Amino acid sequence: MSKKDQAEKTVLEGISYAKIEKHKDAISFFDKALKQDPENIDALYNKGMSLLKLKKNKDAVSCFEKIIEHDPDHVDALNNLGNHFAELQQFQNAITYYDRALSNDTGYIPALYNKGITTIRLEKYDDALDCLNKVLDKEPENMQATYYKGLVLGKQKKHEESLSYFDKILEKEPENNEAIFYKATELSELGRHEEAIAIFDKILKEFPKNGTIIYAKARSKALLGQNDDALVLLAQAISHYGRTIKKWAVKDSSFDKIKGDPRFKTIVK
């Protein structure tokens, strides 16, 4: 048996350990394979993936970079390098790697999805929708892509459309708290504040100290003219999330009618 054949067999043994989440054991096999065949792409890639599972991101990146040296068109390695830069919040660098992957495979779902999320961070919402739509064309039941498309549509003030996507998620995943929250947020944006508040109250039964949800409820109360309730809720939200909530409230037009109230000024001081 040639060294390359031995290496392939060793890689398969390593993969069997990775499948049962024994990544340290898996890596020992991938390292053995790389001694048998130093340029074995499968060993490098699977070692990188196991290192990611062990939170050893720098070592994983080194594996993916070595792959690109030997195979510049390796879409999985390019995608993972993109993810590395996205985690560092170097979003433009991340997109460069996603685009390199997509130039080799225009329908490569992981890079399309990851590019979609990254372009949201850059507030390039049309680009994000383009990527997410391509994912959903191939995987219409992809709930993560559906969720992010709902978010983007909300950012674009397309609140009815946004609401329909969160409803779609909740048909499949009725306990998805993020989708429940954003459904309520979109209802609020549509002026359906009573419905929104009912949902916020439901979430708060489970997460009574969630400052973001308390703040969202305060916004709806203010827009309904229930100023006393709004101020109490705003103070509660600030008690949990402090300075962040204060900054939101000062800029938020939802509170315009009570910004002259001395109590508001005291709360956000």
Protein backbone atom coordinates (compact mmCIF):
# COMPACT_ATOMS: atom_id res chain seq x y z
CA MET A 1 0.00 0.00 0.00
CA SER A 2 1.40 3.40 -1.00
CA LYS A 3 1.87 6.20 1.52
CA LYS A 4 -1.01 8.10 -0.10
CA ASP A 5 -3.30 5.10 0.26
CA GLN A 6 -2.21 4.67 3.87
CA ALA A 7 -2.93 8.33 4.51
CA GLU A 8 -6.43 8.07 3.03
CA LYS A 9 -7.19 5.10 5.27
CA THR A 10 -5.87 7.01 8.30
CA VAL A 11 -8.00 10.05 7.43
CA LEU A 12 -11.12 7.86 7.35
CA GLU A 13 -10.26 6.56 10.82
CA GLY A 14 -9.91 10.14 12.03
CA ILE A 15 -13.26 11.10 10.50
CA SER A 16 -14.92 8.23 12.37
CA TYR A 17 -13.72 9.75 15.66
CA ALA A 18 -14.76 13.27 14.59
CA LYS A 19 -18.29 12.00 13.90
CA ILE A 20 -18.65 10.98 17.55
CA GLU A 21 -17.15 14.29 18.72
CA LYS A 22 -13.82 12.79 19.85
CA HIS A 23 -11.87 15.53 18.16
CA LYS A 24 -8.57 15.14 20.00
CA ASP A 25 -8.44 11.51 18.94
CA ALA A 26 -9.47 12.50 15.43
CA ILE A 27 -6.65 15.04 15.18
CA SER A 28 -4.08 12.42 16.16
CA PHE A 29 -5.15 10.39 13.11
CA PHE A 30 -5.14 13.43 10.82
CA ASP A 31 -1.60 14.26 12.03
CA LYS A 32 -0.54 10.69 11.36
CA ALA A 33 -2.00 10.96 7.85
CA LEU A 34 -0.08 14.18 7.26
CA LYS A 35 3.17 12.46 8.19
CA GLN A 36 2.34 9.81 5.60
CA ASP A 37 1.30 12.42 3.01
CA PRO A 38 2.16 16.04 4.01
CA GLU A 39 -0.02 17.54 1.26
CA ASN A 40 -3.15 15.50 1.99
CA ILE A 41 -5.96 18.02 1.60
CA ASP A 42 -8.60 15.86 3.32
CA ALA A 43 -6.39 15.45 6.39
CA LEU A 44 -5.73 19.19 6.57
CA TYR A 45 -9.39 20.09 6.11
CA ASN A 46 -10.74 17.62 8.65
CA LYS A 47 -8.02 18.57 11.12
CA GLY A 48 -9.07 22.20 10.69
CA MET A 49 -12.71 21.36 11.33
CA SER A 50 -11.86 19.38 14.48
CA LEU A 51 -9.70 22.23 15.71
CA LEU A 52 -12.67 24.57 15.25
CA LYS A 53 -14.78 22.26 17.39
CA LEU A 54 -12.07 22.47 20.07
CA LYS A 55 -12.11 26.30 19.82
CA LYS A 56 -8.52 26.31 18.55
CA ASN A 57 -9.33 28.80 15.82
CA LYS A 58 -5.80 30.00 15.02
CA ASP A 59 -4.58 26.44 14.48
CA ALA A 60 -7.64 25.73 12.35
CA VAL A 61 -6.98 28.81 10.21
CA SER A 62 -3.41 27.59 9.67
CA CYS A 63 -4.81 24.34 8.24
CA PHE A 64 -7.19 26.17 5.88
CA GLU A 65 -4.40 28.49 4.72
CA LYS A 66 -2.18 25.50 3.93
CA ILE A 67 -5.01 24.03 1.87
CA ILE A 68 -5.32 27.26 -0.15
CA GLU A 69 -1.58 27.17 -0.86
CA HIS A 70 -2.04 23.79 -2.54
CA ASP A 71 -5.59 24.26 -3.86
CA PRO A 72 -6.58 27.95 -4.25
CA ASP A 73 -10.10 26.95 -5.35
CA HIS A 74 -11.01 24.84 -2.31
CA VAL A 75 -14.44 26.30 -1.52
CA ASP A 76 -14.79 24.80 1.97
CA ALA A 77 -11.44 26.19 3.11
CA LEU A 78 -12.19 29.58 1.55
CA ASN A 79 -15.56 29.68 3.33
CA ASN A 80 -13.98 28.86 6.67
CA LEU A 81 -11.35 31.56 6.21
CA GLY A 82 -14.21 33.95 5.51
CA ASN A 83 -15.84 32.88 8.77
CA HIS A 84 -12.59 33.53 10.61
CA PHE A 85 -12.46 37.14 9.41
CA ALA A 86 -16.18 37.61 10.11
CA GLU A 87 -15.58 36.56 13.73
CA LEU A 88 -12.82 39.17 13.91
CA GLN A 89 -15.38 41.69 12.55
CA GLN A 90 -13.18 42.20 9.49
CA PHE A 91 -16.25 41.94 7.33
CA GLN A 92 -14.81 43.12 4.03
CA ASN A 93 -11.99 40.56 4.29
CA ALA A 94 -14.59 37.90 5.07
CA ILE A 95 -16.59 38.80 1.96
CA THR A 96 -13.44 38.56 -0.16
CA TYR A 97 -13.09 34.91 0.83
CA TYR A 98 -16.79 34.15 0.39
CA ASP A 99 -16.60 35.71 -3.09
CA ARG A 100 -13.56 33.59 -3.93
CA ALA A 101 -15.51 30.49 -2.93
CA LEU A 102 -18.52 31.61 -4.97
CA SER A 103 -16.37 32.36 -8.03
CA ASN A 104 -15.56 28.64 -8.02
CA ASP A 105 -19.09 27.47 -7.20
CA THR A 106 -21.83 30.09 -7.65
CA GLY A 107 -24.39 27.92 -5.88
CA TYR A 108 -22.29 27.05 -2.84
CA ILE A 109 -24.83 27.44 -0.04
CA PRO A 110 -22.51 27.97 2.98
CA ALA A 111 -20.70 30.91 1.33
CA LEU A 112 -23.97 32.42 0.05
CA TYR A 113 -25.50 32.20 3.53
CA ASN A 114 -22.42 33.53 5.33
CA LYS A 115 -21.98 36.35 2.83
CA GLY A 116 -25.64 37.25 3.34
CA ILE A 117 -25.20 37.56 7.10
CA THR A 118 -21.94 39.49 6.75
CA THR A 119 -23.43 42.01 4.34
CA ILE A 120 -26.19 42.64 6.89
CA ARG A 121 -23.47 43.69 9.32
CA LEU A 122 -22.24 46.14 6.68
CA GLU A 123 -25.83 47.39 6.18
CA LYS A 124 -25.73 46.34 2.53
CA TYR A 125 -29.27 45.04 2.64
CA ASP A 126 -29.83 44.57 -1.11
CA ASP A 127 -26.69 42.43 -1.31
CA ALA A 128 -27.82 40.47 1.73
CA LEU A 129 -31.23 39.78 0.18
CA ASP A 130 -29.60 38.66 -3.06
CA CYS A 131 -27.56 36.05 -1.18
CA LEU A 132 -30.40 34.91 1.08
CA ASN A 133 -32.81 34.60 -1.86
CA LYS A 134 -30.31 32.35 -3.64
CA VAL A 135 -30.11 30.17 -0.54
CA LEU A 136 -33.90 30.00 -0.25
CA ASP A 137 -34.30 29.22 -3.96
CA LYS A 138 -32.33 26.02 -3.33
CA GLU A 139 -33.40 25.40 0.26
CA PRO A 140 -36.88 26.93 0.75
CA GLU A 141 -37.19 25.37 4.21
CA ASN A 142 -33.92 26.85 5.47
CA MET A 143 -35.23 28.54 8.61
CA GLN A 144 -32.00 30.41 9.39
CA ALA A 145 -32.00 32.04 5.95
CA THR A 146 -35.73 32.75 6.38
CA TYR A 147 -35.02 34.41 9.73
CA TYR A 148 -32.31 36.67 8.35
CA LYS A 149 -34.43 37.57 5.33
CA GLY A 150 -37.15 38.65 7.75
CA LEU A 151 -34.63 40.81 9.59
CA VAL A 152 -33.40 42.44 6.38
CA LEU A 153 -36.92 43.21 5.18
CA GLY A 154 -37.61 44.86 8.53
CA LYS A 155 -34.46 46.97 8.16
CA GLN A 156 -35.78 48.04 4.74
CA LYS A 157 -39.10 49.10 6.33
CA LYS A 158 -40.94 46.32 4.46
CA HIS A 159 -42.75 45.35 7.63
CA GLU A 160 -45.64 43.34 6.17
CA GLU A 161 -43.22 41.18 4.20
CA SER A 162 -40.93 40.85 7.18
CA LEU A 163 -43.83 39.73 9.37
CA SER A 164 -44.75 37.02 6.85
CA TYR A 165 -41.27 35.48 7.14
CA PHE A 166 -41.37 35.32 10.94
CA ASP A 167 -44.85 33.79 10.70
CA LYS A 168 -43.43 31.16 8.33
CA ILE A 169 -40.76 30.27 10.88
CA LEU A 170 -43.30 30.05 13.68
CA GLU A 171 -45.45 27.66 11.66
CA LYS A 172 -42.49 25.26 11.73
CA GLU A 173 -40.91 26.30 15.04
CA PRO A 174 -43.63 27.73 17.30
CA GLU A 175 -41.25 28.05 20.28
CA ASN A 176 -38.56 29.99 18.38
CA ASN A 177 -38.18 32.93 20.77
CA GLU A 178 -36.15 35.10 18.39
CA ALA A 179 -38.81 34.77 15.69
CA ILE A 180 -41.52 35.46 18.28
CA PHE A 181 -39.72 38.62 19.41
CA TYR A 182 -39.16 39.94 15.88
CA LYS A 183 -42.76 39.16 14.95
CA ALA A 184 -43.81 41.40 17.84
CA THR A 185 -41.33 44.06 16.75
CA GLU A 186 -42.76 44.09 13.24
CA LEU A 187 -46.32 44.26 14.61
CA SER A 188 -45.22 47.31 16.58
CA GLU A 189 -43.73 48.90 13.46
CA LEU A 190 -47.09 48.36 11.75
CA GLY A 191 -48.87 50.16 14.59
CA ARG A 192 -50.37 46.95 15.97
CA HIS A 193 -49.13 47.71 19.46
CA GLU A 194 -51.68 45.78 21.50
CA GLU A 195 -50.80 42.60 19.62
CA ALA A 196 -47.11 43.32 20.04
CA ILE A 197 -47.46 43.92 23.79
CA ALA A 198 -49.32 40.63 24.23
CA ILE A 199 -46.37 38.83 22.64
CA PHE A 200 -43.79 40.75 24.65
CA ASP A 201 -45.68 39.80 27.83
CA LYS A 202 -45.62 36.14 26.81
CA ILE A 203 -41.84 36.23 26.32
CA LEU A 204 -41.31 38.14 29.58
CA LYS A 205 -43.02 35.37 31.54
CA GLU A 206 -40.06 33.19 30.56
CA PHE A 207 -37.38 35.90 30.51
CA PRO A 208 -38.55 38.54 33.02
CA LYS A 209 -35.22 40.40 33.13
CA ASN A 210 -34.61 40.69 29.39
CA GLY A 211 -33.93 44.41 28.98
CA THR A 212 -34.35 44.38 25.20
CA ILE A 213 -37.87 42.99 25.41
CA ILE A 214 -38.83 45.33 28.27
CA TYR A 215 -37.55 48.23 26.17
CA ALA A 216 -39.56 47.09 23.14
CA LYS A 217 -42.68 46.93 25.29
CA ALA A 218 -41.93 50.44 26.61
CA ARG A 219 -41.79 51.73 23.02
CA SER A 220 -45.22 50.31 22.22
CA LYS A 221 -46.67 51.70 25.44
CA ALA A 222 -45.30 55.15 24.60
CA LEU A 223 -46.74 55.00 21.09
CA LEU A 224 -50.12 54.09 22.57
CA GLY A 225 -49.89 57.17 24.79
CA GLN A 226 -49.63 55.08 27.96
CA ASN A 227 -46.85 57.29 29.24
CA ASP A 228 -46.71 56.22 32.89
CA ASP A 229 -46.37 52.57 31.91
CA ALA A 230 -43.78 53.44 29.29
CA LEU A 231 -41.62 55.32 31.79
CA VAL A 232 -41.79 52.52 34.37
CA LEU A 233 -40.80 49.95 31.74
CA LEU A 234 -38.02 52.14 30.40
CA ALA A 235 -36.57 52.47 33.89
CA GLN A 236 -36.75 48.68 34.29
CA ALA A 237 -34.99 48.11 30.98
CA ILE A 238 -32.23 50.54 31.94
CA SER A 239 -31.79 48.75 35.28
CA HIS A 240 -30.85 45.63 33.31
CA TYR A 241 -28.92 47.04 30.34
CA GLY A 242 -27.93 50.50 31.56
CA ARG A 243 -26.07 52.81 29.24
CA THR A 244 -27.01 50.95 26.05
CA ILE A 245 -30.74 51.38 26.69
CA LYS A 246 -30.26 55.04 27.63
CA LYS A 247 -28.58 55.71 24.27
CA TRP A 248 -31.39 53.93 22.42
CA ALA A 249 -34.10 55.87 24.27
CA VAL A 250 -32.55 59.29 23.69
CA LYS A 251 -32.46 58.70 19.92
CA ASP A 252 -35.74 56.79 19.64
CA SER A 253 -38.60 58.79 18.10
CA SER A 254 -41.07 56.45 19.83
CA PHE A 255 -40.49 58.47 23.00
CA ASP A 256 -40.73 61.92 21.39
CA LYS A 257 -43.97 62.78 23.19
CA ILE A 258 -42.48 62.11 26.63
CA LYS A 259 -38.95 63.38 26.14
CA GLY A 260 -39.97 66.67 27.72
CA ASP A 261 -41.24 64.86 30.83
CA PRO A 262 -38.86 65.43 33.79
CA ARG A 263 -39.17 61.73 34.63
CA PHE A 264 -37.83 60.75 31.20
CA LYS A 265 -34.88 63.14 31.63
CA THR A 266 -34.12 61.66 35.04
CA ILE A 267 -34.31 58.06 33.75
CA VAL A 268 -31.92 58.58 30.84
CA LYS A 269 -29.56 60.94 32.69
